[in-house]
Amino acid sequence: MSVKENLSEAGSHLKQAAAHTSDSLKSAAAAAGEELRAGTAYVKAELSDTAVAGKHAAEDLGVAAKEQMDVLMEKSRDMIDSAADLIRERPLTAFGIAFAAGWAIAKLAGLGNNNEQ
């Protein structure tokens, strides 16, 4: 074979290699695009599931907080009722306790003002 024939054959093989490379790159780009679309769909699905789970957790937290508030309200009603019963049973004692508490608070507040002068 002559140099010209060898160069021609090399050129032909080079063209075929370039065509195969082009086809491979196109296939790889198409596959990458499909994987990217699938990955995006998976991410969106997971984010959606996360939002739903977060919403359910918030709802459960709201229910639990309401239950605790109901318990606290019931306890406060019981304490108010007990205090009202004590006041009805022993009005002078209740007045004396209230007076002493007011006096103690006034003294404590007065001590803070005297120290500032």
C-alpha atoms as a PDB file:
ATOM      1  CA  MET A   1       0.000   0.000   0.000  1.00  0.00           C
ATOM      2  CA  SER A   2       1.061   3.472  -0.758  1.00  0.00           C
ATOM      3  CA  VAL A   3       1.279   6.341   1.667  1.00  0.00           C
ATOM      4  CA  LYS A   4      -1.718   7.973  -0.010  1.00  0.00           C
ATOM      5  CA  GLU A   5      -3.865   4.850   0.460  1.00  0.00           C
ATOM      6  CA  ASN A   6      -2.747   4.507   4.074  1.00  0.00           C
ATOM      7  CA  LEU A   7      -3.580   8.150   4.801  1.00  0.00           C
ATOM      8  CA  SER A   8      -6.944   7.755   3.109  1.00  0.00           C
ATOM      9  CA  GLU A   9      -7.736   4.658   5.196  1.00  0.00           C
ATOM     10  CA  ALA A  10      -6.568   6.444   8.386  1.00  0.00           C
ATOM     11  CA  GLY A  11      -8.828   9.386   7.493  1.00  0.00           C
ATOM     12  CA  SER A  12     -11.760   7.048   6.993  1.00  0.00           C
ATOM     13  CA  HIS A  13     -11.196   5.392  10.353  1.00  0.00           C
ATOM     14  CA  LEU A  14     -10.860   8.826  11.962  1.00  0.00           C
ATOM     15  CA  LYS A  15     -14.226   9.883  10.482  1.00  0.00           C
ATOM     16  CA  GLN A  16     -15.858   6.711  11.798  1.00  0.00           C
ATOM     17  CA  ALA A  17     -14.297   7.262  15.244  1.00  0.00           C
ATOM     18  CA  ALA A  18     -15.604  10.842  15.273  1.00  0.00           C
ATOM     19  CA  ALA A  19     -19.091   9.655  14.267  1.00  0.00           C
ATOM     20  CA  HIS A  20     -19.079   7.004  17.009  1.00  0.00           C
ATOM     21  CA  THR A  21     -17.843   9.583  19.534  1.00  0.00           C
ATOM     22  CA  SER A  22     -20.626  11.946  18.515  1.00  0.00           C
ATOM     23  CA  ASP A  23     -23.236   9.189  18.853  1.00  0.00           C
ATOM     24  CA  SER A  24     -21.825   8.174  22.251  1.00  0.00           C
ATOM     25  CA  LEU A  25     -21.919  11.767  23.514  1.00  0.00           C
ATOM     26  CA  LYS A  26     -25.505  12.214  22.306  1.00  0.00           C
ATOM     27  CA  SER A  27     -26.547   8.980  24.020  1.00  0.00           C
ATOM     28  CA  ALA A  28     -24.730   9.950  27.219  1.00  0.00           C
ATOM     29  CA  ALA A  29     -26.375  13.400  27.194  1.00  0.00           C
ATOM     30  CA  ALA A  30     -29.815  11.846  26.663  1.00  0.00           C
ATOM     31  CA  ALA A  31     -29.245   9.336  29.474  1.00  0.00           C
ATOM     32  CA  ALA A  32     -27.963  12.092  31.774  1.00  0.00           C
ATOM     33  CA  GLY A  33     -31.036  14.186  30.977  1.00  0.00           C
ATOM     34  CA  GLU A  34     -33.323  11.272  31.800  1.00  0.00           C
ATOM     35  CA  GLU A  35     -31.469  10.628  35.062  1.00  0.00           C
ATOM     36  CA  LEU A  36     -31.694  14.307  35.939  1.00  0.00           C
ATOM     37  CA  ARG A  37     -35.447  14.334  35.300  1.00  0.00           C
ATOM     38  CA  ALA A  38     -35.897  11.176  37.375  1.00  0.00           C
ATOM     39  CA  GLY A  39     -33.732  12.596  40.155  1.00  0.00           C
ATOM     40  CA  THR A  40     -35.704  15.828  40.125  1.00  0.00           C
ATOM     41  CA  ALA A  41     -38.937  13.869  40.407  1.00  0.00           C
ATOM     42  CA  TYR A  42     -37.552  11.906  43.364  1.00  0.00           C
ATOM     43  CA  VAL A  43     -36.413  15.102  45.089  1.00  0.00           C
ATOM     44  CA  LYS A  44     -39.812  16.722  44.565  1.00  0.00           C
ATOM     45  CA  ALA A  45     -41.560  13.629  45.937  1.00  0.00           C
ATOM     46  CA  GLU A  46     -39.328  13.564  49.031  1.00  0.00           C
ATOM     47  CA  LEU A  47     -39.832  17.289  49.641  1.00  0.00           C
ATOM     48  CA  SER A  48     -43.575  16.828  49.318  1.00  0.00           C
ATOM     49  CA  ASP A  49     -43.500  13.931  51.782  1.00  0.00           C
ATOM     50  CA  THR A  50     -41.415  16.069  54.143  1.00  0.00           C
ATOM     51  CA  ALA A  51     -43.972  18.878  53.983  1.00  0.00           C
ATOM     52  CA  VAL A  52     -46.838  16.481  54.683  1.00  0.00           C
ATOM     53  CA  ALA A  53     -44.989  14.913  57.627  1.00  0.00           C
ATOM     54  CA  GLY A  54     -44.179  18.365  59.007  1.00  0.00           C
ATOM     55  CA  LYS A  55     -47.819  19.403  58.718  1.00  0.00           C
ATOM     56  CA  HIS A  56     -48.957  16.265  60.566  1.00  0.00           C
ATOM     57  CA  ALA A  57     -46.363  16.890  63.295  1.00  0.00           C
ATOM     58  CA  ALA A  58     -47.586  20.474  63.697  1.00  0.00           C
ATOM     59  CA  GLU A  59     -51.185  19.279  63.936  1.00  0.00           C
ATOM     60  CA  ASP A  60     -50.221  16.696  66.570  1.00  0.00           C
ATOM     61  CA  LEU A  61     -48.324  19.354  68.492  1.00  0.00           C
ATOM     62  CA  GLY A  62     -51.372  21.620  68.388  1.00  0.00           C
ATOM     63  CA  VAL A  63     -53.587  18.852  69.764  1.00  0.00           C
ATOM     64  CA  ALA A  64     -51.108  18.078  72.543  1.00  0.00           C
ATOM     65  CA  ALA A  65     -50.812  21.778  73.441  1.00  0.00           C
ATOM     66  CA  LYS A  66     -54.610  22.117  73.585  1.00  0.00           C
ATOM     67  CA  GLU A  67     -54.855  19.078  75.854  1.00  0.00           C
ATOM     68  CA  GLN A  68     -52.215  20.528  78.191  1.00  0.00           C
ATOM     69  CA  MET A  69     -53.980  23.903  78.197  1.00  0.00           C
ATOM     70  CA  ASP A  70     -57.265  22.187  79.093  1.00  0.00           C
ATOM     71  CA  VAL A  71     -55.567  20.400  82.006  1.00  0.00           C
ATOM     72  CA  LEU A  72     -54.028  23.649  83.252  1.00  0.00           C
ATOM     73  CA  MET A  73     -57.342  25.478  82.953  1.00  0.00           C
ATOM     74  CA  GLU A  74     -59.094  22.738  84.942  1.00  0.00           C
ATOM     75  CA  LYS A  75     -56.424  22.908  87.664  1.00  0.00           C
ATOM     76  CA  SER A  76     -56.720  26.691  87.841  1.00  0.00           C
ATOM     77  CA  ARG A  77     -60.510  26.425  88.161  1.00  0.00           C
ATOM     78  CA  ASP A  78     -60.063  23.921  90.998  1.00  0.00           C
ATOM     79  CA  MET A  79     -57.632  26.258  92.789  1.00  0.00           C
ATOM     80  CA  ILE A  80     -59.990  29.235  92.390  1.00  0.00           C
ATOM     81  CA  ASP A  81     -62.865  27.157  93.717  1.00  0.00           C
ATOM     82  CA  SER A  82     -60.739  26.051  96.694  1.00  0.00           C
ATOM     83  CA  ALA A  83     -59.761  29.651  97.420  1.00  0.00           C
ATOM     84  CA  ALA A  84     -63.390  30.770  97.168  1.00  0.00           C
ATOM     85  CA  ASP A  85     -64.427  28.001  99.589  1.00  0.00           C
ATOM     86  CA  LEU A  86     -61.696  29.054 102.037  1.00  0.00           C
ATOM     87  CA  ILE A  87     -62.796  32.685 101.831  1.00  0.00           C
ATOM     88  CA  ARG A  88     -66.427  31.715 102.471  1.00  0.00           C
ATOM     89  CA  GLU A  89     -65.478  29.446 105.404  1.00  0.00           C
ATOM     90  CA  ARG A  90     -62.968  31.839 107.040  1.00  0.00           C
ATOM     91  CA  PRO A  91     -63.392  35.384 105.734  1.00  0.00           C
ATOM     92  CA  LEU A  92     -61.343  37.053 108.504  1.00  0.00           C
ATOM     93  CA  THR A  93     -58.435  34.647 108.021  1.00  0.00           C
ATOM     94  CA  ALA A  94     -58.529  35.208 104.256  1.00  0.00           C
ATOM     95  CA  PHE A  95     -58.579  38.986 104.775  1.00  0.00           C
ATOM     96  CA  GLY A  96     -55.640  38.768 107.187  1.00  0.00           C
ATOM     97  CA  ILE A  97     -53.613  36.649 104.755  1.00  0.00           C
ATOM     98  CA  ALA A  98     -54.376  39.030 101.877  1.00  0.00           C
ATOM     99  CA  PHE A  99     -53.463  42.042 104.026  1.00  0.00           C
ATOM    100  CA  ALA A 100     -50.183  40.442 105.154  1.00  0.00           C
ATOM    101  CA  ALA A 101     -49.277  39.511 101.582  1.00  0.00           C
ATOM    102  CA  GLY A 102     -50.000  43.054 100.388  1.00  0.00           C
ATOM    103  CA  TRP A 103     -47.949  44.524 103.233  1.00  0.00           C
ATOM    104  CA  ALA A 104     -45.008  42.197 102.460  1.00  0.00           C
ATOM    105  CA  ILE A 105     -45.111  43.093  98.763  1.00  0.00           C
ATOM    106  CA  ALA A 106     -45.281  46.808  99.582  1.00  0.00           C
ATOM    107  CA  LYS A 107     -42.301  46.485 101.941  1.00  0.00           C
ATOM    108  CA  LEU A 108     -40.273  44.600  99.346  1.00  0.00           C
ATOM    109  CA  ALA A 109     -41.108  47.187  96.723  1.00  0.00           C
ATOM    110  CA  GLY A 110     -40.338  49.995  99.187  1.00  0.00           C
ATOM    111  CA  LEU A 111     -36.946  48.486 100.057  1.00  0.00           C
ATOM    112  CA  GLY A 112     -35.968  48.533  96.387  1.00  0.00           C
ATOM    113  CA  ASN A 113     -36.905  52.225  96.118  1.00  0.00           C
ATOM    114  CA  ASN A 114     -35.044  53.191  99.335  1.00  0.00           C
ATOM    115  CA  ASN A 115     -31.816  51.584  98.088  1.00  0.00           C
ATOM    116  CA  GLU A 116     -31.915  53.606  94.881  1.00  0.00           C
ATOM    117  CA  GLN A 117     -31.998  56.999  96.700  1.00  0.00           C
END
